[in-house]
Amino acid sequence: MKIAKRARQVFCRHNYVLFANIYGDLINDLNARTIYICKKCGKRKFEKDYKEAPVNYNKFLQDCATYKKTGDLNISSDTIRDTKQYKELFGPKTLEDVWDHRLNDKR
C-alpha cells in the first residue's frame, strides 16, 4: 500500500457505508459476514453480523481476479445484488448532496 494512501486512512474520520456480504467458506476465512467501506479513504471494516448489502463480495473478488488476469474490467450481473441500494450509496450525487456532505464533515 502506498504511504500516502495509508496516511490518509490513518488520519481519516471514517464515514463507513454498507458495502458487501460474504458467503460460503470465505465467512470462516475472514471471520465476517458484512463489509463496510469508508467513502472517503476506501478502508474496509469487517463485521460478524449480517446486514443486507448491495454487493456480493465473493463475486466481487472473482471480478477483481479476472480484471487482474485480462485487464478487462467487467462486473458480472451476480456481483451487484441490489442496484437501487448500490446507486443510493455509490451512485452520482447532485451538487446539493455533495454540499450537504461537506457541511456535515466540518461539524
PDB file of N, CA and C in Angstrom:
ATOM      1  N   MET A   1       0.848  -1.160   0.000  1.00  0.00           N
ATOM      2  CA  MET A   1       0.000   0.000   0.000  1.00  0.00           C
ATOM      3  C   MET A   1       0.905   1.238   0.000  1.00  0.00           C
ATOM      4  N   LYS A   2       0.551   2.199  -0.798  1.00  0.00           N
ATOM      5  CA  LYS A   2       1.349   3.411  -0.873  1.00  0.00           C
ATOM      6  C   LYS A   2       1.257   4.176   0.448  1.00  0.00           C
ATOM      7  N   ILE A   3       2.337   4.869   0.774  1.00  0.00           N
ATOM      8  CA  ILE A   3       2.414   5.587   2.047  1.00  0.00           C
ATOM      9  C   ILE A   3       1.352   6.682   2.133  1.00  0.00           C
ATOM     10  N   ALA A   4       1.123   7.399   1.042  1.00  0.00           N
ATOM     11  CA  ALA A   4       0.134   8.482   1.058  1.00  0.00           C
ATOM     12  C   ALA A   4      -1.269   7.933   1.335  1.00  0.00           C
ATOM     13  N   LYS A   5      -1.607   6.815   0.714  1.00  0.00           N
ATOM     14  CA  LYS A   5      -2.933   6.223   0.925  1.00  0.00           C
ATOM     15  C   LYS A   5      -3.066   5.721   2.356  1.00  0.00           C
ATOM     16  N   ARG A   6      -2.016   5.113   2.869  1.00  0.00           N
ATOM     17  CA  ARG A   6      -2.039   4.606   4.246  1.00  0.00           C
ATOM     18  C   ARG A   6      -2.184   5.760   5.236  1.00  0.00           C
ATOM     19  N   ALA A   7      -1.460   6.851   5.007  1.00  0.00           N
ATOM     20  CA  ALA A   7      -1.554   8.020   5.885  1.00  0.00           C
ATOM     21  C   ALA A   7      -2.959   8.609   5.842  1.00  0.00           C
ATOM     22  N   ARG A   8      -3.560   8.641   4.651  1.00  0.00           N
ATOM     23  CA  ARG A   8      -4.924   9.148   4.515  1.00  0.00           C
ATOM     24  C   ARG A   8      -5.889   8.285   5.324  1.00  0.00           C
ATOM     25  N   GLN A   9      -5.692   6.957   5.302  1.00  0.00           N
ATOM     26  CA  GLN A   9      -6.568   6.067   6.055  1.00  0.00           C
ATOM     27  C   GLN A   9      -6.378   6.214   7.559  1.00  0.00           C
ATOM     28  N   VAL A  10      -5.151   6.448   7.996  1.00  0.00           N
ATOM     29  CA  VAL A  10      -4.885   6.578   9.424  1.00  0.00           C
ATOM     30  C   VAL A  10      -5.546   7.837   9.988  1.00  0.00           C
ATOM     31  N   PHE A  11      -5.464   8.950   9.253  1.00  0.00           N
ATOM     32  CA  PHE A  11      -5.966  10.215   9.760  1.00  0.00           C
ATOM     33  C   PHE A  11      -7.389  10.556   9.313  1.00  0.00           C
ATOM     34  N   CYS A  12      -8.017   9.665   8.597  1.00  0.00           N
ATOM     35  CA  CYS A  12      -9.377   9.887   8.099  1.00  0.00           C
ATOM     36  C   CYS A  12     -10.401   9.763   9.234  1.00  0.00           C
ATOM     37  N   ARG A  13     -11.404  10.632   9.202  1.00  0.00           N
ATOM     38  CA  ARG A  13     -12.570  10.449  10.071  1.00  0.00           C
ATOM     39  C   ARG A  13     -13.560   9.632   9.251  1.00  0.00           C
ATOM     40  N   HIS A  14     -13.526   8.354   9.456  1.00  0.00           N
ATOM     41  CA  HIS A  14     -14.210   7.416   8.566  1.00  0.00           C
ATOM     42  C   HIS A  14     -15.710   7.646   8.492  1.00  0.00           C
ATOM     43  N   ASN A  15     -16.215   7.518   7.288  1.00  0.00           N
ATOM     44  CA  ASN A  15     -17.640   7.584   7.003  1.00  0.00           C
ATOM     45  C   ASN A  15     -18.011   6.246   6.375  1.00  0.00           C
ATOM     46  N   TYR A  16     -18.209   5.216   7.213  1.00  0.00           N
ATOM     47  CA  TYR A  16     -18.463   3.868   6.718  1.00  0.00           C
ATOM     48  C   TYR A  16     -19.885   3.733   6.194  1.00  0.00           C
ATOM     49  N   VAL A  17     -20.010   3.063   5.052  1.00  0.00           N
ATOM     50  CA  VAL A  17     -21.315   2.712   4.492  1.00  0.00           C
ATOM     51  C   VAL A  17     -21.307   1.211   4.198  1.00  0.00           C
ATOM     52  N   LEU A  18     -22.486   0.647   4.203  1.00  0.00           N
ATOM     53  CA  LEU A  18     -22.647  -0.776   3.916  1.00  0.00           C
ATOM     54  C   LEU A  18     -22.168  -1.069   2.504  1.00  0.00           C
ATOM     55  N   PHE A  19     -21.300  -2.079   2.342  1.00  0.00           N
ATOM     56  CA  PHE A  19     -20.731  -2.360   1.024  1.00  0.00           C
ATOM     57  C   PHE A  19     -21.098  -3.747   0.507  1.00  0.00           C
ATOM     58  N   ALA A  20     -20.768  -4.808   1.254  1.00  0.00           N
ATOM     59  CA  ALA A  20     -20.923  -6.147   0.684  1.00  0.00           C
ATOM     60  C   ALA A  20     -21.212  -7.198   1.749  1.00  0.00           C
ATOM     61  N   ASN A  21     -21.772  -8.315   1.282  1.00  0.00           N
ATOM     62  CA  ASN A  21     -21.978  -9.503   2.111  1.00  0.00           C
ATOM     63  C   ASN A  21     -21.034 -10.601   1.657  1.00  0.00           C
ATOM     64  N   ILE A  22     -20.604 -11.403   2.605  1.00  0.00           N
ATOM     65  CA  ILE A  22     -19.688 -12.507   2.341  1.00  0.00           C
ATOM     66  C   ILE A  22     -20.471 -13.813   2.461  1.00  0.00           C
ATOM     67  N   TYR A  23     -20.177 -14.763   1.580  1.00  0.00           N
ATOM     68  CA  TYR A  23     -20.884 -16.039   1.572  1.00  0.00           C
ATOM     69  C   TYR A  23     -19.894 -17.203   1.550  1.00  0.00           C
ATOM     70  N   GLY A  24     -20.374 -18.380   1.940  1.00  0.00           N
ATOM     71  CA  GLY A  24     -19.597 -19.616   1.820  1.00  0.00           C
ATOM     72  C   GLY A  24     -18.405 -19.705   2.755  1.00  0.00           C
ATOM     73  N   ASP A  25     -17.356 -20.397   2.299  1.00  0.00           N
ATOM     74  CA  ASP A  25     -16.163 -20.632   3.109  1.00  0.00           C
ATOM     75  C   ASP A  25     -15.408 -19.349   3.437  1.00  0.00           C
ATOM     76  N   LEU A  26     -15.617 -18.330   2.646  1.00  0.00           N
ATOM     77  CA  LEU A  26     -14.947 -17.053   2.883  1.00  0.00           C
ATOM     78  C   LEU A  26     -15.380 -16.428   4.218  1.00  0.00           C
ATOM     79  N   ILE A  27     -16.570 -16.789   4.703  1.00  0.00           N
ATOM     80  CA  ILE A  27     -17.033 -16.310   6.012  1.00  0.00           C
ATOM     81  C   ILE A  27     -16.058 -16.750   7.097  1.00  0.00           C
ATOM     82  N   ASN A  28     -15.665 -18.017   7.056  1.00  0.00           N
ATOM     83  CA  ASN A  28     -14.733 -18.539   8.060  1.00  0.00           C
ATOM     84  C   ASN A  28     -13.330 -17.970   7.875  1.00  0.00           C
ATOM     85  N   ASP A  29     -12.909 -17.782   6.635  1.00  0.00           N
ATOM     86  CA  ASP A  29     -11.572 -17.252   6.373  1.00  0.00           C
ATOM     87  C   ASP A  29     -11.430 -15.817   6.873  1.00  0.00           C
ATOM     88  N   LEU A  30     -12.445 -15.003   6.663  1.00  0.00           N
ATOM     89  CA  LEU A  30     -12.383 -13.596   7.058  1.00  0.00           C
ATOM     90  C   LEU A  30     -13.016 -13.331   8.424  1.00  0.00           C
ATOM     91  N   ASN A  31     -13.711 -14.334   8.964  1.00  0.00           N
ATOM     92  CA  ASN A  31     -14.409 -14.220  10.245  1.00  0.00           C
ATOM     93  C   ASN A  31     -15.366 -13.023  10.227  1.00  0.00           C
ATOM     94  N   ALA A  32     -16.111 -12.904   9.141  1.00  0.00           N
ATOM     95  CA  ALA A  32     -17.039 -11.785   8.987  1.00  0.00           C
ATOM     96  C   ALA A  32     -18.153 -12.179   8.023  1.00  0.00           C
ATOM     97  N   ARG A  33     -19.265 -11.430   8.094  1.00  0.00           N
ATOM     98  CA  ARG A  33     -20.390 -11.630   7.177  1.00  0.00           C
ATOM     99  C   ARG A  33     -20.689 -10.395   6.345  1.00  0.00           C
ATOM    100  N   THR A  34     -20.373  -9.206   6.906  1.00  0.00           N
ATOM    101  CA  THR A  34     -20.704  -7.950   6.245  1.00  0.00           C
ATOM    102  C   THR A  34     -19.468  -7.056   6.196  1.00  0.00           C
ATOM    103  N   ILE A  35     -19.330  -6.317   5.095  1.00  0.00           N
ATOM    104  CA  ILE A  35     -18.207  -5.398   4.942  1.00  0.00           C
ATOM    105  C   ILE A  35     -18.745  -3.987   4.768  1.00  0.00           C
ATOM    106  N   TYR A  36     -18.151  -3.077   5.514  1.00  0.00           N
ATOM    107  CA  TYR A  36     -18.423  -1.657   5.372  1.00  0.00           C
ATOM    108  C   TYR A  36     -17.199  -1.023   4.730  1.00  0.00           C
ATOM    109  N   ILE A  37     -17.392   0.058   3.982  1.00  0.00           N
ATOM    110  CA  ILE A  37     -16.278   0.735   3.342  1.00  0.00           C
ATOM    111  C   ILE A  37     -16.402   2.236   3.601  1.00  0.00           C
ATOM    112  N   CYS A  38     -15.268   2.865   3.859  1.00  0.00           N
ATOM    113  CA  CYS A  38     -15.242   4.311   4.069  1.00  0.00           C
ATOM    114  C   CYS A  38     -15.311   4.997   2.710  1.00  0.00           C
ATOM    115  N   LYS A  39     -16.263   5.896   2.553  1.00  0.00           N
ATOM    116  CA  LYS A  39     -16.429   6.587   1.272  1.00  0.00           C
ATOM    117  C   LYS A  39     -15.323   7.601   1.023  1.00  0.00           C
ATOM    118  N   LYS A  40     -14.606   8.003   2.069  1.00  0.00           N
ATOM    119  CA  LYS A  40     -13.549   8.999   1.905  1.00  0.00           C
ATOM    120  C   LYS A  40     -12.215   8.372   1.528  1.00  0.00           C
ATOM    121  N   CYS A  41     -11.805   7.317   2.250  1.00  0.00           N
ATOM    122  CA  CYS A  41     -10.457   6.777   2.042  1.00  0.00           C
ATOM    123  C   CYS A  41     -10.434   5.345   1.522  1.00  0.00           C
ATOM    124  N   GLY A  42     -11.579   4.649   1.525  1.00  0.00           N
ATOM    125  CA  GLY A  42     -11.641   3.300   0.989  1.00  0.00           C
ATOM    126  C   GLY A  42     -11.301   2.192   1.973  1.00  0.00           C
ATOM    127  N   LYS A  43     -11.094   2.521   3.238  1.00  0.00           N
ATOM    128  CA  LYS A  43     -10.765   1.495   4.231  1.00  0.00           C
ATOM    129  C   LYS A  43     -11.970   0.583   4.434  1.00  0.00           C
ATOM    130  N   ARG A  44     -11.686  -0.695   4.565  1.00  0.00           N
ATOM    131  CA  ARG A  44     -12.756  -1.677   4.764  1.00  0.00           C
ATOM    132  C   ARG A  44     -12.825  -2.091   6.217  1.00  0.00           C
ATOM    133  N   LYS A  45     -14.054  -2.309   6.678  1.00  0.00           N
ATOM    134  CA  LYS A  45     -14.302  -2.740   8.054  1.00  0.00           C
ATOM    135  C   LYS A  45     -15.139  -4.014   7.975  1.00  0.00           C
ATOM    136  N   PHE A  46     -14.656  -5.088   8.582  1.00  0.00           N
ATOM    137  CA  PHE A  46     -15.325  -6.381   8.523  1.00  0.00           C
ATOM    138  C   PHE A  46     -16.104  -6.609   9.816  1.00  0.00           C
ATOM    139  N   GLU A  47     -17.382  -6.962   9.683  1.00  0.00           N
ATOM    140  CA  GLU A  47     -18.256  -7.185  10.837  1.00  0.00           C
ATOM    141  C   GLU A  47     -18.801  -8.608  10.813  1.00  0.00           C
ATOM    142  N   LYS A  48     -19.012  -9.179  11.989  1.00  0.00           N
ATOM    143  CA  LYS A  48     -19.527 -10.546  12.094  1.00  0.00           C
ATOM    144  C   LYS A  48     -21.021 -10.631  11.826  1.00  0.00           C
ATOM    145  N   ASP A  49     -21.763  -9.564  12.130  1.00  0.00           N
ATOM    146  CA  ASP A  49     -23.212  -9.605  11.940  1.00  0.00           C
ATOM    147  C   ASP A  49     -23.568  -9.458  10.463  1.00  0.00           C
ATOM    148  N   TYR A  50     -24.739  -9.987  10.107  1.00  0.00           N
ATOM    149  CA  TYR A  50     -25.191  -9.949   8.716  1.00  0.00           C
ATOM    150  C   TYR A  50     -26.200  -8.824   8.545  1.00  0.00           C
ATOM    151  N   LYS A  51     -25.929  -7.940   7.602  1.00  0.00           N
ATOM    152  CA  LYS A  51     -26.874  -6.905   7.193  1.00  0.00           C
ATOM    153  C   LYS A  51     -26.911  -6.923   5.675  1.00  0.00           C
ATOM    154  N   GLU A  52     -28.088  -6.828   5.126  1.00  0.00           N
ATOM    155  CA  GLU A  52     -28.260  -6.911   3.671  1.00  0.00           C
ATOM    156  C   GLU A  52     -27.511  -5.777   2.977  1.00  0.00           C
ATOM    157  N   ALA A  53     -26.586  -6.138   2.100  1.00  0.00           N
ATOM    158  CA  ALA A  53     -25.750  -5.166   1.394  1.00  0.00           C
ATOM    159  C   ALA A  53     -25.929  -5.319  -0.114  1.00  0.00           C
ATOM    160  N   PRO A  54     -25.571  -4.293  -0.886  1.00  0.00           N
ATOM    161  CA  PRO A  54     -25.827  -4.324  -2.323  1.00  0.00           C
ATOM    162  C   PRO A  54     -24.851  -5.166  -3.144  1.00  0.00           C
ATOM    163  N   VAL A  55     -23.700  -5.568  -2.575  1.00  0.00           N
ATOM    164  CA  VAL A  55     -22.678  -6.262  -3.353  1.00  0.00           C
ATOM    165  C   VAL A  55     -22.418  -7.647  -2.767  1.00  0.00           C
ATOM    166  N   ASN A  56     -22.213  -8.629  -3.641  1.00  0.00           N
ATOM    167  CA  ASN A  56     -21.785  -9.973  -3.250  1.00  0.00           C
ATOM    168  C   ASN A  56     -20.254  -9.978  -3.286  1.00  0.00           C
ATOM    169  N   TYR A  57     -19.610 -10.062  -2.123  1.00  0.00           N
ATOM    170  CA  TYR A  57     -18.157  -9.926  -2.034  1.00  0.00           C
ATOM    171  C   TYR A  57     -17.416 -11.055  -2.737  1.00  0.00           C
ATOM    172  N   ASN A  58     -17.953 -12.265  -2.686  1.00  0.00           N
ATOM    173  CA  ASN A  58     -17.316 -13.396  -3.356  1.00  0.00           C
ATOM    174  C   ASN A  58     -17.224 -13.146  -4.866  1.00  0.00           C
ATOM    175  N   LYS A  59     -18.316 -12.691  -5.455  1.00  0.00           N
ATOM    176  CA  LYS A  59     -18.334 -12.386  -6.890  1.00  0.00           C
ATOM    177  C   LYS A  59     -17.453 -11.172  -7.201  1.00  0.00           C
ATOM    178  N   PHE A  60     -17.422 -10.209  -6.286  1.00  0.00           N
ATOM    179  CA  PHE A  60     -16.574  -9.032  -6.443  1.00  0.00           C
ATOM    180  C   PHE A  60     -15.102  -9.441  -6.532  1.00  0.00           C
ATOM    181  N   LEU A  61     -14.674 -10.363  -5.666  1.00  0.00           N
ATOM    182  CA  LEU A  61     -13.295 -10.844  -5.699  1.00  0.00           C
ATOM    183  C   LEU A  61     -13.000 -11.605  -6.994  1.00  0.00           C
ATOM    184  N   GLN A  62     -13.973 -12.367  -7.490  1.00  0.00           N
ATOM    185  CA  GLN A  62     -13.800 -13.067  -8.765  1.00  0.00           C
ATOM    186  C   GLN A  62     -13.638 -12.063  -9.909  1.00  0.00           C
ATOM    187  N   ASP A  63     -14.429 -11.004  -9.896  1.00  0.00           N
ATOM    188  CA  ASP A  63     -14.313  -9.965 -10.923  1.00  0.00           C
ATOM    189  C   ASP A  63     -12.951  -9.283 -10.856  1.00  0.00           C
ATOM    190  N   CYS A  64     -12.451  -9.049  -9.642  1.00  0.00           N
ATOM    191  CA  CYS A  64     -11.124  -8.432  -9.475  1.00  0.00           C
ATOM    192  C   CYS A  64     -10.024  -9.350 -10.011  1.00  0.00           C
ATOM    193  N   ALA A  65     -10.142 -10.650  -9.746  1.00  0.00           N
ATOM    194  CA  ALA A  65      -9.148 -11.605 -10.239  1.00  0.00           C
ATOM    195  C   ALA A  65      -9.169 -11.675 -11.766  1.00  0.00           C
ATOM    196  N   THR A  66     -10.350 -11.654 -12.353  1.00  0.00           N
ATOM    197  CA  THR A  66     -10.473 -11.659 -13.811  1.00  0.00           C
ATOM    198  C   THR A  66      -9.864 -10.396 -14.408  1.00  0.00           C
ATOM    199  N   TYR A  67     -10.101  -9.263 -13.769  1.00  0.00           N
ATOM    200  CA  TYR A  67      -9.536  -7.996 -14.237  1.00  0.00           C
ATOM    201  C   TYR A  67      -8.010  -8.022 -14.175  1.00  0.00           C
ATOM    202  N   LYS A  68      -7.476  -8.616 -13.124  1.00  0.00           N
ATOM    203  CA  LYS A  68      -6.018  -8.700 -12.975  1.00  0.00           C
ATOM    204  C   LYS A  68      -5.403  -9.572 -14.074  1.00  0.00           C
ATOM    205  N   LYS A  69      -6.103 -10.641 -14.456  1.00  0.00           N
ATOM    206  CA  LYS A  69      -5.593 -11.543 -15.494  1.00  0.00           C
ATOM    207  C   LYS A  69      -5.734 -10.955 -16.895  1.00  0.00           C
ATOM    208  N   THR A  70      -6.896 -10.380 -17.185  1.00  0.00           N
ATOM    209  CA  THR A  70      -7.192  -9.967 -18.554  1.00  0.00           C
ATOM    210  C   THR A  70      -7.004  -8.468 -18.808  1.00  0.00           C
ATOM    211  N   GLY A  71      -7.113  -7.660 -17.761  1.00  0.00           N
ATOM    212  CA  GLY A  71      -7.044  -6.217 -17.937  1.00  0.00           C
ATOM    213  C   GLY A  71      -8.358  -5.621 -18.411  1.00  0.00           C
ATOM    214  N   ASP A  72      -9.393  -6.443 -18.516  1.00  0.00           N
ATOM    215  CA  ASP A  72     -10.710  -6.005 -18.968  1.00  0.00           C
ATOM    216  C   ASP A  72     -11.644  -5.929 -17.767  1.00  0.00           C
ATOM    217  N   LEU A  73     -12.080  -4.723 -17.431  1.00  0.00           N
ATOM    218  CA  LEU A  73     -12.974  -4.537 -16.292  1.00  0.00           C
ATOM    219  C   LEU A  73     -14.389  -4.923 -16.693  1.00  0.00           C
ATOM    220  N   ASN A  74     -14.879  -5.999 -16.103  1.00  0.00           N
ATOM    221  CA  ASN A  74     -16.211  -6.494 -16.396  1.00  0.00           C
ATOM    222  C   ASN A  74     -16.859  -6.909 -15.085  1.00  0.00           C
ATOM    223  N   ILE A  75     -17.906  -6.215 -14.692  1.00  0.00           N
ATOM    224  CA  ILE A  75     -18.620  -6.540 -13.465  1.00  0.00           C
ATOM    225  C   ILE A  75     -19.781  -7.449 -13.836  1.00  0.00           C
ATOM    226  N   SER A  76     -19.788  -8.639 -13.264  1.00  0.00           N
ATOM    227  CA  SER A  76     -20.833  -9.602 -13.605  1.00  0.00           C
ATOM    228  C   SER A  76     -22.170  -9.174 -13.015  1.00  0.00           C
ATOM    229  N   SER A  77     -23.223  -9.708 -13.563  1.00  0.00           N
ATOM    230  CA  SER A  77     -24.565  -9.363 -13.088  1.00  0.00           C
ATOM    231  C   SER A  77     -24.822  -9.931 -11.695  1.00  0.00           C
ATOM    232  N   ASP A  78     -24.061 -10.946 -11.281  1.00  0.00           N
ATOM    233  CA  ASP A  78     -24.228 -11.535  -9.949  1.00  0.00           C
ATOM    234  C   ASP A  78     -23.550 -10.709  -8.858  1.00  0.00           C
ATOM    235  N   THR A  79     -22.646  -9.824  -9.224  1.00  0.00           N
ATOM    236  CA  THR A  79     -21.883  -9.072  -8.229  1.00  0.00           C
ATOM    237  C   THR A  79     -22.749  -8.052  -7.513  1.00  0.00           C
ATOM    238  N   ILE A  80     -23.474  -7.242  -8.247  1.00  0.00           N
ATOM    239  CA  ILE A  80     -24.338  -6.244  -7.622  1.00  0.00           C
ATOM    240  C   ILE A  80     -25.715  -6.858  -7.463  1.00  0.00           C
ATOM    241  N   ARG A  81     -26.083  -7.088  -6.206  1.00  0.00           N
ATOM    242  CA  ARG A  81     -27.328  -7.784  -5.920  1.00  0.00           C
ATOM    243  C   ARG A  81     -28.525  -6.841  -5.929  1.00  0.00           C
ATOM    244  N   ASP A  82     -28.338  -5.637  -5.378  1.00  0.00           N
ATOM    245  CA  ASP A  82     -29.435  -4.672  -5.294  1.00  0.00           C
ATOM    246  C   ASP A  82     -28.978  -3.368  -5.935  1.00  0.00           C
ATOM    247  N   THR A  83     -29.352  -3.163  -7.193  1.00  0.00           N
ATOM    248  CA  THR A  83     -28.867  -1.991  -7.934  1.00  0.00           C
ATOM    249  C   THR A  83     -29.393  -0.684  -7.338  1.00  0.00           C
ATOM    250  N   LYS A  84     -30.610  -0.686  -6.824  1.00  0.00           N
ATOM    251  CA  LYS A  84     -31.176   0.534  -6.240  1.00  0.00           C
ATOM    252  C   LYS A  84     -30.371   0.956  -5.014  1.00  0.00           C
ATOM    253  N   GLN A  85     -30.101   0.010  -4.134  1.00  0.00           N
ATOM    254  CA  GLN A  85     -29.326   0.303  -2.932  1.00  0.00           C
ATOM    255  C   GLN A  85     -27.898   0.718  -3.291  1.00  0.00           C
ATOM    256  N   TYR A  86     -27.320   0.074  -4.287  1.00  0.00           N
ATOM    257  CA  TYR A  86     -25.963   0.411  -4.729  1.00  0.00           C
ATOM    258  C   TYR A  86     -25.903   1.843  -5.267  1.00  0.00           C
ATOM    259  N   LYS A  87     -26.877   2.221  -6.082  1.00  0.00           N
ATOM    260  CA  LYS A  87     -26.901   3.577  -6.634  1.00  0.00           C
ATOM    261  C   LYS A  87     -27.100   4.622  -5.550  1.00  0.00           C
ATOM    262  N   GLU A  88     -27.914   4.309  -4.524  1.00  0.00           N
ATOM    263  CA  GLU A  88     -28.104   5.240  -3.414  1.00  0.00           C
ATOM    264  C   GLU A  88     -26.793   5.494  -2.680  1.00  0.00           C
ATOM    265  N   LEU A  89     -26.023   4.444  -2.467  1.00  0.00           N
ATOM    266  CA  LEU A  89     -24.784   4.567  -1.694  1.00  0.00           C
ATOM    267  C   LEU A  89     -23.616   5.096  -2.515  1.00  0.00           C
ATOM    268  N   PHE A  90     -23.458   4.607  -3.740  1.00  0.00           N
ATOM    269  CA  PHE A  90     -22.249   4.878  -4.510  1.00  0.00           C
ATOM    270  C   PHE A  90     -22.489   5.580  -5.837  1.00  0.00           C
ATOM    271  N   GLY A  91     -23.737   5.836  -6.176  1.00  0.00           N
ATOM    272  CA  GLY A  91     -24.040   6.462  -7.448  1.00  0.00           C
ATOM    273  C   GLY A  91     -23.705   7.945  -7.454  1.00  0.00           C
ATOM    274  N   PRO A  92     -23.817   8.564  -8.627  1.00  0.00           N
ATOM    275  CA  PRO A  92     -23.531  10.003  -8.716  1.00  0.00           C
ATOM    276  C   PRO A  92     -24.513  10.796  -7.864  1.00  0.00           C
ATOM    277  N   LYS A  93     -24.007  11.861  -7.287  1.00  0.00           N
ATOM    278  CA  LYS A  93     -24.816  12.702  -6.413  1.00  0.00           C
ATOM    279  C   LYS A  93     -25.053  14.050  -7.071  1.00  0.00           C
ATOM    280  N   THR A  94     -26.076  14.734  -6.605  1.00  0.00           N
ATOM    281  CA  THR A  94     -26.315  16.095  -7.070  1.00  0.00           C
ATOM    282  C   THR A  94     -25.376  17.038  -6.332  1.00  0.00           C
ATOM    283  N   LEU A  95     -25.273  18.235  -6.806  1.00  0.00           N
ATOM    284  CA  LEU A  95     -24.418  19.231  -6.169  1.00  0.00           C
ATOM    285  C   LEU A  95     -24.877  19.499  -4.739  1.00  0.00           C
ATOM    286  N   GLU A  96     -26.179  19.469  -4.504  1.00  0.00           N
ATOM    287  CA  GLU A  96     -26.713  19.694  -3.158  1.00  0.00           C
ATOM    288  C   GLU A  96     -26.274  18.589  -2.204  1.00  0.00           C
ATOM    289  N   ASP A  97     -26.259  17.341  -2.661  1.00  0.00           N
ATOM    290  CA  ASP A  97     -25.808  16.226  -1.824  1.00  0.00           C
ATOM    291  C   ASP A  97     -24.350  16.386  -1.443  1.00  0.00           C
ATOM    292  N   VAL A  98     -23.525  16.786  -2.397  1.00  0.00           N
ATOM    293  CA  VAL A  98     -22.101  16.974  -2.130  1.00  0.00           C
ATOM    294  C   VAL A  98     -21.908  18.109  -1.130  1.00  0.00           C
ATOM    295  N   TRP A  99     -22.650  19.196  -1.308  1.00  0.00           N
ATOM    296  CA  TRP A  99     -22.517  20.341  -0.414  1.00  0.00           C
ATOM    297  C   TRP A  99     -22.945  19.958   1.006  1.00  0.00           C
ATOM    298  N   ASP A 100     -24.067  19.234   1.152  1.00  0.00           N
ATOM    299  CA  ASP A 100     -24.527  18.788   2.469  1.00  0.00           C
ATOM    300  C   ASP A 100     -23.495  17.890   3.124  1.00  0.00           C
ATOM    301  N   HIS A 101     -22.864  17.024   2.337  1.00  0.00           N
ATOM    302  CA  HIS A 101     -21.847  16.109   2.851  1.00  0.00           C
ATOM    303  C   HIS A 101     -20.663  16.889   3.409  1.00  0.00           C
ATOM    304  N   ARG A 102     -20.228  17.922   2.710  1.00  0.00           N
ATOM    305  CA  ARG A 102     -19.096  18.735   3.166  1.00  0.00           C
ATOM    306  C   ARG A 102     -19.442  19.492   4.446  1.00  0.00           C
ATOM    307  N   LEU A 103     -20.678  19.991   4.548  1.00  0.00           N
ATOM    308  CA  LEU A 103     -21.093  20.702   5.749  1.00  0.00           C
ATOM    309  C   LEU A 103     -21.110  19.770   6.953  1.00  0.00           C
ATOM    310  N   ASN A 104     -21.572  18.536   6.753  1.00  0.00           N
ATOM    311  CA  ASN A 104     -21.620  17.559   7.860  1.00  0.00           C
ATOM    312  C   ASN A 104     -20.233  17.181   8.312  1.00  0.00           C
ATOM    313  N   ASP A 105     -19.260  17.131   7.403  1.00  0.00           N
ATOM    314  CA  ASP A 105     -17.885  16.778   7.757  1.00  0.00           C
ATOM    315  C   ASP A 105     -17.232  17.842   8.626  1.00  0.00           C
ATOM    316  N   LYS A 106     -17.609  19.102   8.406  1.00  0.00           N
ATOM    317  CA  LYS A 106     -16.995  20.200   9.155  1.00  0.00           C
ATOM    318  C   LYS A 106     -17.560  20.343  10.548  1.00  0.00           C
ATOM    319  N   ARG A 107     -18.719  19.760  10.803  1.00  0.00           N
ATOM    320  CA  ARG A 107     -19.351  19.881  12.118  1.00  0.00           C
ATOM    321  C   ARG A 107     -18.707  18.991  13.128  1.00  0.00           C
TER     322      ARG A 107
END
